[in-house]
mmCIF file of all heavy atoms, coordinates in Angstrom:
data_MODEL
# 
_entry.id   MODEL 
# 
loop_
_atom_site.group_PDB 
_atom_site.id 
_atom_site.type_symbol 
_atom_site.label_atom_id 
_atom_site.label_alt_id 
_atom_site.label_comp_id 
_atom_site.label_asym_id 
_atom_site.label_entity_id 
_atom_site.label_seq_id 
_atom_site.pdbx_PDB_ins_code 
_atom_site.Cartn_x 
_atom_site.Cartn_y 
_atom_site.Cartn_z 
_atom_site.occupancy 
_atom_site.B_iso_or_equiv 
_atom_site.pdbx_formal_charge 
_atom_site.auth_seq_id 
_atom_site.auth_comp_id 
_atom_site.auth_asym_id 
_atom_site.auth_atom_id 
_atom_site.pdbx_PDB_model_num 
ATOM 1   N N   . LYS A 1 1  ? -16.078 5.292   7.870   1.00 0.00 ? 1  LYS A N   1 
ATOM 2   C CA  . LYS A 1 1  ? -16.288 4.733   6.525   1.00 0.00 ? 1  LYS A CA  1 
ATOM 3   C C   . LYS A 1 1  ? -15.383 3.549   6.310   1.00 0.00 ? 1  LYS A C   1 
ATOM 4   O O   . LYS A 1 1  ? -14.320 3.438   6.887   1.00 0.00 ? 1  LYS A O   1 
ATOM 5   C CB  . LYS A 1 1  ? -16.072 5.810   5.463   1.00 0.00 ? 1  LYS A CB  1 
ATOM 6   C CG  . LYS A 1 1  ? -14.674 6.372   5.423   1.00 0.00 ? 1  LYS A CG  1 
ATOM 7   C CD  . LYS A 1 1  ? -14.577 7.449   4.347   1.00 0.00 ? 1  LYS A CD  1 
ATOM 8   C CE  . LYS A 1 1  ? -13.158 8.035   4.371   1.00 0.00 ? 1  LYS A CE  1 
ATOM 9   N NZ  . LYS A 1 1  ? -13.004 9.061   3.379   1.00 0.00 ? 1  LYS A NZ  1 
ATOM 10  N N   . PRO A 1 2  ? -15.781 2.651   5.399   1.00 0.00 ? 2  PRO A N   1 
ATOM 11  C CA  . PRO A 1 2  ? -14.924 1.506   5.079   1.00 0.00 ? 2  PRO A CA  1 
ATOM 12  C C   . PRO A 1 2  ? -13.758 1.939   4.175   1.00 0.00 ? 2  PRO A C   1 
ATOM 13  O O   . PRO A 1 2  ? -13.682 3.058   3.698   1.00 0.00 ? 2  PRO A O   1 
ATOM 14  C CB  . PRO A 1 2  ? -15.889 0.559   4.334   1.00 0.00 ? 2  PRO A CB  1 
ATOM 15  C CG  . PRO A 1 2  ? -16.993 1.419   3.849   1.00 0.00 ? 2  PRO A CG  1 
ATOM 16  C CD  . PRO A 1 2  ? -17.075 2.626   4.763   1.00 0.00 ? 2  PRO A CD  1 
ATOM 17  N N   . PHE A 1 3  ? -12.861 1.010   3.950   1.00 0.00 ? 3  PHE A N   1 
ATOM 18  C CA  . PHE A 1 3  ? -11.725 1.253   3.065   1.00 0.00 ? 3  PHE A CA  1 
ATOM 19  C C   . PHE A 1 3  ? -12.191 1.383   1.634   1.00 0.00 ? 3  PHE A C   1 
ATOM 20  O O   . PHE A 1 3  ? -13.176 0.732   1.222   1.00 0.00 ? 3  PHE A O   1 
ATOM 21  C CB  . PHE A 1 3  ? -10.726 0.118   3.165   1.00 0.00 ? 3  PHE A CB  1 
ATOM 22  C CG  . PHE A 1 3  ? -10.173 -0.048  4.543   1.00 0.00 ? 3  PHE A CG  1 
ATOM 23  C CD1 . PHE A 1 3  ? -10.660 -1.055  5.377   1.00 0.00 ? 3  PHE A CD1 1 
ATOM 24  C CD2 . PHE A 1 3  ? -9.195  0.813   5.052   1.00 0.00 ? 3  PHE A CD2 1 
ATOM 25  C CE1 . PHE A 1 3  ? -10.147 -1.239  6.675   1.00 0.00 ? 3  PHE A CE1 1 
ATOM 26  C CE2 . PHE A 1 3  ? -8.691  0.641   6.341   1.00 0.00 ? 3  PHE A CE2 1 
ATOM 27  C CZ  . PHE A 1 3  ? -9.168  -0.363  7.138   1.00 0.00 ? 3  PHE A CZ  1 
ATOM 28  N N   . ARG A 1 4  ? -11.473 2.188   0.797   1.00 0.00 ? 4  ARG A N   1 
ATOM 29  C CA  . ARG A 1 4  ? -11.834 2.341   -0.615  1.00 0.00 ? 4  ARG A CA  1 
ATOM 30  C C   . ARG A 1 4  ? -10.629 2.035   -1.475  1.00 0.00 ? 4  ARG A C   1 
ATOM 31  O O   . ARG A 1 4  ? -9.500  2.431   -1.136  1.00 0.00 ? 4  ARG A O   1 
ATOM 32  C CB  . ARG A 1 4  ? -12.262 3.784   -0.907  1.00 0.00 ? 4  ARG A CB  1 
ATOM 33  C CG  . ARG A 1 4  ? -13.594 4.124   -0.291  1.00 0.00 ? 4  ARG A CG  1 
ATOM 34  C CD  . ARG A 1 4  ? -13.993 5.532   -0.581  1.00 0.00 ? 4  ARG A CD  1 
ATOM 35  N NE  . ARG A 1 4  ? -14.173 5.650   -2.036  1.00 0.00 ? 4  ARG A NE  1 
ATOM 36  C CZ  . ARG A 1 4  ? -14.343 6.795   -2.659  1.00 0.00 ? 4  ARG A CZ  1 
ATOM 37  N NH1 . ARG A 1 4  ? -14.349 7.901   -2.008  1.00 0.00 ? 4  ARG A NH1 1 
ATOM 38  N NH2 . ARG A 1 4  ? -14.517 6.830   -3.957  1.00 0.00 ? 4  ARG A NH2 1 
ATOM 39  N N   . ILE A 1 5  ? -10.832 1.351   -2.599  1.00 0.00 ? 5  ILE A N   1 
ATOM 40  C CA  . ILE A 1 5  ? -9.744  1.068   -3.555  1.00 0.00 ? 5  ILE A CA  1 
ATOM 41  C C   . ILE A 1 5  ? -10.289 1.255   -4.973  1.00 0.00 ? 5  ILE A C   1 
ATOM 42  O O   . ILE A 1 5  ? -11.489 1.310   -5.185  1.00 0.00 ? 5  ILE A O   1 
ATOM 43  C CB  . ILE A 1 5  ? -9.163  -0.333  -3.371  1.00 0.00 ? 5  ILE A CB  1 
ATOM 44  C CG1 . ILE A 1 5  ? -10.243 -1.406  -3.561  1.00 0.00 ? 5  ILE A CG1 1 
ATOM 45  C CG2 . ILE A 1 5  ? -8.457  -0.478  -2.051  1.00 0.00 ? 5  ILE A CG2 1 
ATOM 46  C CD1 . ILE A 1 5  ? -9.680  -2.798  -3.557  1.00 0.00 ? 5  ILE A CD1 1 
ATOM 47  N N   . ILE A 1 6  ? -9.354  1.253   -5.916  1.00 0.00 ? 6  ILE A N   1 
ATOM 48  C CA  . ILE A 1 6  ? -9.711  1.324   -7.326  1.00 0.00 ? 6  ILE A CA  1 
ATOM 49  C C   . ILE A 1 6  ? -9.745  -0.105  -7.883  1.00 0.00 ? 6  ILE A C   1 
ATOM 50  O O   . ILE A 1 6  ? -9.137  -0.992  -7.329  1.00 0.00 ? 6  ILE A O   1 
ATOM 51  C CB  . ILE A 1 6  ? -8.741  2.216   -8.118  1.00 0.00 ? 6  ILE A CB  1 
ATOM 52  C CG1 . ILE A 1 6  ? -7.285  1.730   -7.967  1.00 0.00 ? 6  ILE A CG1 1 
ATOM 53  C CG2 . ILE A 1 6  ? -8.880  3.673   -7.671  1.00 0.00 ? 6  ILE A CG2 1 
ATOM 54  C CD1 . ILE A 1 6  ? -6.294  2.510   -8.793  1.00 0.00 ? 6  ILE A CD1 1 
ATOM 55  N N   . PRO A 1 7  ? -10.476 -0.301  -8.999  1.00 0.00 ? 7  PRO A N   1 
ATOM 56  C CA  . PRO A 1 7  ? -10.671 -1.668  -9.529  1.00 0.00 ? 7  PRO A CA  1 
ATOM 57  C C   . PRO A 1 7  ? -9.376  -2.457  -9.807  1.00 0.00 ? 7  PRO A C   1 
ATOM 58  O O   . PRO A 1 7  ? -9.372  -3.662  -9.641  1.00 0.00 ? 7  PRO A O   1 
ATOM 59  C CB  . PRO A 1 7  ? -11.462 -1.445  -10.805 1.00 0.00 ? 7  PRO A CB  1 
ATOM 60  C CG  . PRO A 1 7  ? -12.175 -0.147  -10.576 1.00 0.00 ? 7  PRO A CG  1 
ATOM 61  C CD  . PRO A 1 7  ? -11.278 0.681   -9.721  1.00 0.00 ? 7  PRO A CD  1 
ATOM 62  N N   . LYS A 1 8  ? -8.316  -1.769  -10.218 1.00 0.00 ? 8  LYS A N   1 
ATOM 63  C CA  . LYS A 1 8  ? -7.095  -2.513  -10.557 1.00 0.00 ? 8  LYS A CA  1 
ATOM 64  C C   . LYS A 1 8  ? -6.427  -3.097  -9.325  1.00 0.00 ? 8  LYS A C   1 
ATOM 65  O O   . LYS A 1 8  ? -5.519  -3.922  -9.422  1.00 0.00 ? 8  LYS A O   1 
ATOM 66  C CB  . LYS A 1 8  ? -6.133  -1.681  -11.368 1.00 0.00 ? 8  LYS A CB  1 
ATOM 67  C CG  . LYS A 1 8  ? -5.438  -0.555  -10.631 1.00 0.00 ? 8  LYS A CG  1 
ATOM 68  C CD  . LYS A 1 8  ? -4.449  0.154   -11.529 1.00 0.00 ? 8  LYS A CD  1 
ATOM 69  C CE  . LYS A 1 8  ? -3.660  1.179   -10.725 1.00 0.00 ? 8  LYS A CE  1 
ATOM 70  N NZ  . LYS A 1 8  ? -2.704  1.867   -11.558 1.00 0.00 ? 8  LYS A NZ  1 
ATOM 71  N N   . GLU A 1 9  ? -6.870  -2.705  -8.121  1.00 0.00 ? 9  GLU A N   1 
ATOM 72  C CA  . GLU A 1 9  ? -6.364  -3.261  -6.878  1.00 0.00 ? 9  GLU A CA  1 
ATOM 73  C C   . GLU A 1 9  ? -7.182  -4.410  -6.348  1.00 0.00 ? 9  GLU A C   1 
ATOM 74  O O   . GLU A 1 9  ? -6.999  -4.850  -5.225  1.00 0.00 ? 9  GLU A O   1 
ATOM 75  C CB  . GLU A 1 9  ? -6.268  -2.139  -5.828  1.00 0.00 ? 9  GLU A CB  1 
ATOM 76  C CG  . GLU A 1 9  ? -5.297  -1.062  -6.187  1.00 0.00 ? 9  GLU A CG  1 
ATOM 77  C CD  . GLU A 1 9  ? -5.292  0.098   -5.208  1.00 0.00 ? 9  GLU A CD  1 
ATOM 78  O OE1 . GLU A 1 9  ? -6.358  0.394   -4.624  1.00 0.00 ? 9  GLU A OE1 1 
ATOM 79  O OE2 . GLU A 1 9  ? -4.229  0.712   -5.056  1.00 0.00 ? 9  GLU A OE2 1 
ATOM 80  N N   . ILE A 1 10 ? -8.093  -4.927  -7.204  1.00 0.00 ? 10 ILE A N   1 
ATOM 81  C CA  . ILE A 1 10 ? -8.938  -6.023  -6.815  1.00 0.00 ? 10 ILE A CA  1 
ATOM 82  C C   . ILE A 1 10 ? -8.504  -7.297  -7.553  1.00 0.00 ? 10 ILE A C   1 
ATOM 83  O O   . ILE A 1 10 ? -8.283  -7.268  -8.750  1.00 0.00 ? 10 ILE A O   1 
ATOM 84  C CB  . ILE A 1 10 ? -10.428 -5.735  -7.177  1.00 0.00 ? 10 ILE A CB  1 
ATOM 85  C CG1 . ILE A 1 10 ? -10.907 -4.519  -6.386  1.00 0.00 ? 10 ILE A CG1 1 
ATOM 86  C CG2 . ILE A 1 10 ? -11.297 -6.941  -6.950  1.00 0.00 ? 10 ILE A CG2 1 
ATOM 87  C CD1 . ILE A 1 10 ? -12.265 -4.032  -6.822  1.00 0.00 ? 10 ILE A CD1 1 
ATOM 88  N N   . THR A 1 11 ? -8.409  -8.375  -6.805  1.00 0.00 ? 11 THR A N   1 
ATOM 89  C CA  . THR A 1 11 ? -8.042  -9.663  -7.395  1.00 0.00 ? 11 THR A CA  1 
ATOM 90  C C   . THR A 1 11 ? -9.148  -10.675 -7.080  1.00 0.00 ? 11 THR A C   1 
ATOM 91  O O   . THR A 1 11 ? -9.499  -10.813 -5.903  1.00 0.00 ? 11 THR A O   1 
ATOM 92  C CB  . THR A 1 11 ? -6.706  -10.187 -6.812  1.00 0.00 ? 11 THR A CB  1 
ATOM 93  O OG1 . THR A 1 11 ? -5.703  -9.213  -7.086  1.00 0.00 ? 11 THR A OG1 1 
ATOM 94  C CG2 . THR A 1 11 ? -6.329  -11.489 -7.469  1.00 0.00 ? 11 THR A CG2 1 
ATOM 95  N N   . PRO A 1 12 ? -9.694  -11.336 -8.079  1.00 0.00 ? 12 PRO A N   1 
ATOM 96  C CA  . PRO A 1 12 ? -10.721 -12.355 -7.790  1.00 0.00 ? 12 PRO A CA  1 
ATOM 97  C C   . PRO A 1 12 ? -10.109 -13.507 -6.993  1.00 0.00 ? 12 PRO A C   1 
ATOM 98  O O   . PRO A 1 12 ? -8.926  -13.790 -7.115  1.00 0.00 ? 12 PRO A O   1 
ATOM 99  C CB  . PRO A 1 12 ? -11.160 -12.840 -9.168  1.00 0.00 ? 12 PRO A CB  1 
ATOM 100 C CG  . PRO A 1 12 ? -10.497 -11.993 -10.153 1.00 0.00 ? 12 PRO A CG  1 
ATOM 101 C CD  . PRO A 1 12 ? -9.438  -11.214 -9.479  1.00 0.00 ? 12 PRO A CD  1 
ATOM 102 N N   . ILE A 1 13 ? -10.915 -14.122 -6.176  1.00 0.00 ? 13 ILE A N   1 
ATOM 103 C CA  . ILE A 1 13 ? -10.481 -15.274 -5.389  1.00 0.00 ? 13 ILE A CA  1 
ATOM 104 C C   . ILE A 1 13 ? -10.799 -16.542 -6.215  1.00 0.00 ? 13 ILE A C   1 
ATOM 105 O O   . ILE A 1 13 ? -11.964 -16.762 -6.567  1.00 0.00 ? 13 ILE A O   1 
ATOM 106 C CB  . ILE A 1 13 ? -11.225 -15.385 -4.050  1.00 0.00 ? 13 ILE A CB  1 
ATOM 107 C CG1 . ILE A 1 13 ? -10.906 -14.115 -3.221  1.00 0.00 ? 13 ILE A CG1 1 
ATOM 108 C CG2 . ILE A 1 13 ? -10.808 -16.623 -3.288  1.00 0.00 ? 13 ILE A CG2 1 
ATOM 109 C CD1 . ILE A 1 13 ? -11.695 -14.012 -1.943  1.00 0.00 ? 13 ILE A CD1 1 
ATOM 110 N N   . PRO A 1 14 ? -9.789  -17.343 -6.536  1.00 0.00 ? 14 PRO A N   1 
ATOM 111 C CA  . PRO A 1 14 ? -10.071 -18.565 -7.310  1.00 0.00 ? 14 PRO A CA  1 
ATOM 112 C C   . PRO A 1 14 ? -10.955 -19.518 -6.493  1.00 0.00 ? 14 PRO A C   1 
ATOM 113 O O   . PRO A 1 14 ? -10.767 -19.717 -5.288  1.00 0.00 ? 14 PRO A O   1 
ATOM 114 C CB  . PRO A 1 14 ? -8.698  -19.174 -7.517  1.00 0.00 ? 14 PRO A CB  1 
ATOM 115 C CG  . PRO A 1 14 ? -7.732  -18.070 -7.266  1.00 0.00 ? 14 PRO A CG  1 
ATOM 116 C CD  . PRO A 1 14 ? -8.377  -17.145 -6.295  1.00 0.00 ? 14 PRO A CD  1 
ATOM 117 N N   . LEU A 1 15 ? -11.939 -20.069 -7.144  1.00 0.00 ? 15 LEU A N   1 
ATOM 118 C CA  . LEU A 1 15 ? -12.842 -21.021 -6.484  1.00 0.00 ? 15 LEU A CA  1 
ATOM 119 C C   . LEU A 1 15 ? -12.063 -22.294 -6.197  1.00 0.00 ? 15 LEU A C   1 
ATOM 120 O O   . LEU A 1 15 ? -11.268 -22.774 -7.003  1.00 0.00 ? 15 LEU A O   1 
ATOM 121 C CB  . LEU A 1 15 ? -14.038 -21.315 -7.427  1.00 0.00 ? 15 LEU A CB  1 
ATOM 122 C CG  . LEU A 1 15 ? -15.236 -22.003 -6.793  1.00 0.00 ? 15 LEU A CG  1 
ATOM 123 C CD1 . LEU A 1 15 ? -15.757 -21.242 -5.594  1.00 0.00 ? 15 LEU A CD1 1 
ATOM 124 C CD2 . LEU A 1 15 ? -16.323 -22.133 -7.845  1.00 0.00 ? 15 LEU A CD2 1 
ATOM 125 N N   . SER A 1 16 ? -12.280 -22.860 -5.034  1.00 0.00 ? 16 SER A N   1 
ATOM 126 C CA  . SER A 1 16 ? -11.617 -24.096 -4.649  1.00 0.00 ? 16 SER A CA  1 
ATOM 127 C C   . SER A 1 16 ? -12.559 -24.945 -3.784  1.00 0.00 ? 16 SER A C   1 
ATOM 128 O O   . SER A 1 16 ? -13.608 -24.468 -3.377  1.00 0.00 ? 16 SER A O   1 
ATOM 129 C CB  . SER A 1 16 ? -10.338 -23.803 -3.835  1.00 0.00 ? 16 SER A CB  1 
ATOM 130 O OG  . SER A 1 16 ? -10.719 -23.173 -2.616  1.00 0.00 ? 16 SER A OG  1 
ATOM 131 N N   . SER A 1 17 ? -12.186 -26.157 -3.548  1.00 0.00 ? 17 SER A N   1 
ATOM 132 C CA  . SER A 1 17 ? -13.033 -27.017 -2.709  1.00 0.00 ? 17 SER A CA  1 
ATOM 133 C C   . SER A 1 17 ? -13.205 -26.475 -1.314  1.00 0.00 ? 17 SER A C   1 
ATOM 134 O O   . SER A 1 17 ? -14.262 -26.592 -0.710  1.00 0.00 ? 17 SER A O   1 
ATOM 135 C CB  . SER A 1 17 ? -12.459 -28.451 -2.651  1.00 0.00 ? 17 SER A CB  1 
ATOM 136 O OG  . SER A 1 17 ? -11.156 -28.429 -2.146  1.00 0.00 ? 17 SER A OG  1 
ATOM 137 N N   . SER A 1 18 ? -12.174 -25.813 -0.754  1.00 0.00 ? 18 SER A N   1 
ATOM 138 C CA  . SER A 1 18 ? -12.293 -25.249 0.597   1.00 0.00 ? 18 SER A CA  1 
ATOM 139 C C   . SER A 1 18 ? -13.331 -24.094 0.587   1.00 0.00 ? 18 SER A C   1 
ATOM 140 O O   . SER A 1 18 ? -14.058 -23.933 1.539   1.00 0.00 ? 18 SER A O   1 
ATOM 141 C CB  . SER A 1 18 ? -10.967 -24.792 1.154   1.00 0.00 ? 18 SER A CB  1 
ATOM 142 O OG  . SER A 1 18 ? -10.372 -23.809 0.348   1.00 0.00 ? 18 SER A OG  1 
ATOM 143 N N   . TRP A 1 19 ? -13.355 -23.274 -0.478  1.00 0.00 ? 19 TRP A N   1 
ATOM 144 C CA  . TRP A 1 19 ? -14.361 -22.224 -0.552  1.00 0.00 ? 19 TRP A CA  1 
ATOM 145 C C   . TRP A 1 19 ? -15.757 -22.824 -0.686  1.00 0.00 ? 19 TRP A C   1 
ATOM 146 O O   . TRP A 1 19 ? -16.695 -22.338 -0.049  1.00 0.00 ? 19 TRP A O   1 
ATOM 147 C CB  . TRP A 1 19 ? -14.077 -21.289 -1.728  1.00 0.00 ? 19 TRP A CB  1 
ATOM 148 C CG  . TRP A 1 19 ? -13.073 -20.222 -1.339  1.00 0.00 ? 19 TRP A CG  1 
ATOM 149 C CD1 . TRP A 1 19 ? -11.723 -20.249 -1.617  1.00 0.00 ? 19 TRP A CD1 1 
ATOM 150 C CD2 . TRP A 1 19 ? -13.302 -19.045 -0.614  1.00 0.00 ? 19 TRP A CD2 1 
ATOM 151 N NE1 . TRP A 1 19 ? -11.138 -19.104 -1.079  1.00 0.00 ? 19 TRP A NE1 1 
ATOM 152 C CE2 . TRP A 1 19 ? -12.076 -18.345 -0.458  1.00 0.00 ? 19 TRP A CE2 1 
ATOM 153 C CE3 . TRP A 1 19 ? -14.444 -18.472 -0.067  1.00 0.00 ? 19 TRP A CE3 1 
ATOM 154 C CZ2 . TRP A 1 19 ? -11.971 -17.160 0.213   1.00 0.00 ? 19 TRP A CZ2 1 
ATOM 155 C CZ3 . TRP A 1 19 ? -14.329 -17.258 0.616   1.00 0.00 ? 19 TRP A CZ3 1 
ATOM 156 C CH2 . TRP A 1 19 ? -13.099 -16.610 0.738   1.00 0.00 ? 19 TRP A CH2 1 
ATOM 157 N N   . LEU A 1 20 ? -15.915 -23.872 -1.499  1.00 0.00 ? 20 LEU A N   1 
ATOM 158 C CA  . LEU A 1 20 ? -17.199 -24.527 -1.634  1.00 0.00 ? 20 LEU A CA  1 
ATOM 159 C C   . LEU A 1 20 ? -17.695 -25.043 -0.305  1.00 0.00 ? 20 LEU A C   1 
ATOM 160 O O   . LEU A 1 20 ? -18.849 -24.824 0.086   1.00 0.00 ? 20 LEU A O   1 
ATOM 161 C CB  . LEU A 1 20 ? -17.144 -25.654 -2.667  1.00 0.00 ? 20 LEU A CB  1 
ATOM 162 C CG  . LEU A 1 20 ? -16.966 -25.235 -4.103  1.00 0.00 ? 20 LEU A CG  1 
ATOM 163 C CD1 . LEU A 1 20 ? -16.805 -26.453 -4.979  1.00 0.00 ? 20 LEU A CD1 1 
ATOM 164 C CD2 . LEU A 1 20 ? -18.149 -24.421 -4.585  1.00 0.00 ? 20 LEU A CD2 1 
ATOM 165 N N   . GLU A 1 21 ? -16.816 -25.693 0.444   1.00 0.00 ? 21 GLU A N   1 
ATOM 166 C CA  . GLU A 1 21 ? -17.199 -26.207 1.769   1.00 0.00 ? 21 GLU A CA  1 
ATOM 167 C C   . GLU A 1 21 ? -17.559 -25.017 2.672   1.00 0.00 ? 21 GLU A C   1 
ATOM 168 O O   . GLU A 1 21 ? -18.504 -25.124 3.464   1.00 0.00 ? 21 GLU A O   1 
ATOM 169 C CB  . GLU A 1 21 ? -16.045 -26.991 2.357   1.00 0.00 ? 21 GLU A CB  1 
ATOM 170 C CG  . GLU A 1 21 ? -15.830 -28.323 1.673   1.00 0.00 ? 21 GLU A CG  1 
ATOM 171 C CD  . GLU A 1 21 ? -14.540 -29.022 2.114   1.00 0.00 ? 21 GLU A CD  1 
ATOM 172 O OE1 . GLU A 1 21 ? -13.961 -28.626 3.178   1.00 0.00 ? 21 GLU A OE1 1 
ATOM 173 O OE2 . GLU A 1 21 ? -14.133 -29.949 1.416   1.00 0.00 ? 21 GLU A OE2 1 
ATOM 174 N N   . GLY A 1 22 ? -16.819 -23.924 2.598   1.00 0.00 ? 22 GLY A N   1 
ATOM 175 C CA  . GLY A 1 22 ? -17.111 -22.758 3.408   1.00 0.00 ? 22 GLY A CA  1 
ATOM 176 C C   . GLY A 1 22 ? -18.487 -22.157 3.122   1.00 0.00 ? 22 GLY A C   1 
ATOM 177 O O   . GLY A 1 22 ? -19.108 -21.583 4.022   1.00 0.00 ? 22 GLY A O   1 
ATOM 178 N N   . PHE A 1 23 ? -18.952 -22.330 1.885   1.00 0.00 ? 23 PHE A N   1 
ATOM 179 C CA  . PHE A 1 23 ? -20.286 -21.830 1.518   1.00 0.00 ? 23 PHE A CA  1 
ATOM 180 C C   . PHE A 1 23 ? -21.375 -22.869 1.808   1.00 0.00 ? 23 PHE A C   1 
ATOM 181 O O   . PHE A 1 23 ? -22.550 -22.609 1.562   1.00 0.00 ? 23 PHE A O   1 
ATOM 182 C CB  . PHE A 1 23 ? -20.348 -21.454 0.050   1.00 0.00 ? 23 PHE A CB  1 
ATOM 183 C CG  . PHE A 1 23 ? -19.703 -20.137 -0.272  1.00 0.00 ? 23 PHE A CG  1 
ATOM 184 C CD1 . PHE A 1 23 ? -18.636 -20.065 -1.144  1.00 0.00 ? 23 PHE A CD1 1 
ATOM 185 C CD2 . PHE A 1 23 ? -20.130 -18.985 0.317   1.00 0.00 ? 23 PHE A CD2 1 
ATOM 186 C CE1 . PHE A 1 23 ? -18.017 -18.843 -1.467  1.00 0.00 ? 23 PHE A CE1 1 
ATOM 187 C CE2 . PHE A 1 23 ? -19.534 -17.767 0.038   1.00 0.00 ? 23 PHE A CE2 1 
ATOM 188 C CZ  . PHE A 1 23 ? -18.485 -17.694 -0.848  1.00 0.00 ? 23 PHE A CZ  1 
ATOM 189 N N   . GLY A 1 24 ? -21.014 -24.042 2.302   1.00 0.00 ? 24 GLY A N   1 
ATOM 190 C CA  . GLY A 1 24 ? -22.011 -25.045 2.691   1.00 0.00 ? 24 GLY A CA  1 
ATOM 191 C C   . GLY A 1 24 ? -22.274 -26.150 1.662   1.00 0.00 ? 24 GLY A C   1 
ATOM 192 O O   . GLY A 1 24 ? -23.220 -26.885 1.814   1.00 0.00 ? 24 GLY A O   1 
ATOM 193 N N   . PHE A 1 25 ? -21.448 -26.232 0.637   1.00 0.00 ? 25 PHE A N   1 
ATOM 194 C CA  . PHE A 1 25 ? -21.593 -27.328 -0.315  1.00 0.00 ? 25 PHE A CA  1 
ATOM 195 C C   . PHE A 1 25 ? -21.144 -28.639 0.337   1.00 0.00 ? 25 PHE A C   1 
ATOM 196 O O   . PHE A 1 25 ? -20.127 -28.712 1.016   1.00 0.00 ? 25 PHE A O   1 
ATOM 197 C CB  . PHE A 1 25 ? -20.727 -27.082 -1.578  1.00 0.00 ? 25 PHE A CB  1 
ATOM 198 C CG  . PHE A 1 25 ? -21.300 -26.085 -2.531  1.00 0.00 ? 25 PHE A CG  1 
ATOM 199 C CD1 . PHE A 1 25 ? -21.237 -24.730 -2.278  1.00 0.00 ? 25 PHE A CD1 1 
ATOM 200 C CD2 . PHE A 1 25 ? -21.934 -26.525 -3.695  1.00 0.00 ? 25 PHE A CD2 1 
ATOM 201 C CE1 . PHE A 1 25 ? -21.785 -23.804 -3.174  1.00 0.00 ? 25 PHE A CE1 1 
ATOM 202 C CE2 . PHE A 1 25 ? -22.464 -25.612 -4.585  1.00 0.00 ? 25 PHE A CE2 1 
ATOM 203 C CZ  . PHE A 1 25 ? -22.393 -24.263 -4.327  1.00 0.00 ? 25 PHE A CZ  1 
ATOM 204 N N   . THR A 1 26 ? -21.929 -29.657 0.156   1.00 0.00 ? 26 THR A N   1 
ATOM 205 C CA  . THR A 1 26 ? -21.620 -31.014 0.639   1.00 0.00 ? 26 THR A CA  1 
ATOM 206 C C   . THR A 1 26 ? -21.587 -31.956 -0.563  1.00 0.00 ? 26 THR A C   1 
ATOM 207 O O   . THR A 1 26 ? -22.518 -32.023 -1.325  1.00 0.00 ? 26 THR A O   1 
ATOM 208 C CB  . THR A 1 26 ? -22.690 -31.486 1.647   1.00 0.00 ? 26 THR A CB  1 
ATOM 209 O OG1 . THR A 1 26 ? -22.847 -30.494 2.657   1.00 0.00 ? 26 THR A OG1 1 
ATOM 210 C CG2 . THR A 1 26 ? -22.324 -32.802 2.266   1.00 0.00 ? 26 THR A CG2 1 
# 
């Protein structure tokens, strides 16, 4: 099984230009 955590252990990833490029934005 995969790892399990509770919601308070989750941190959103801030959107950045490197993430946009990683998703294929040009």
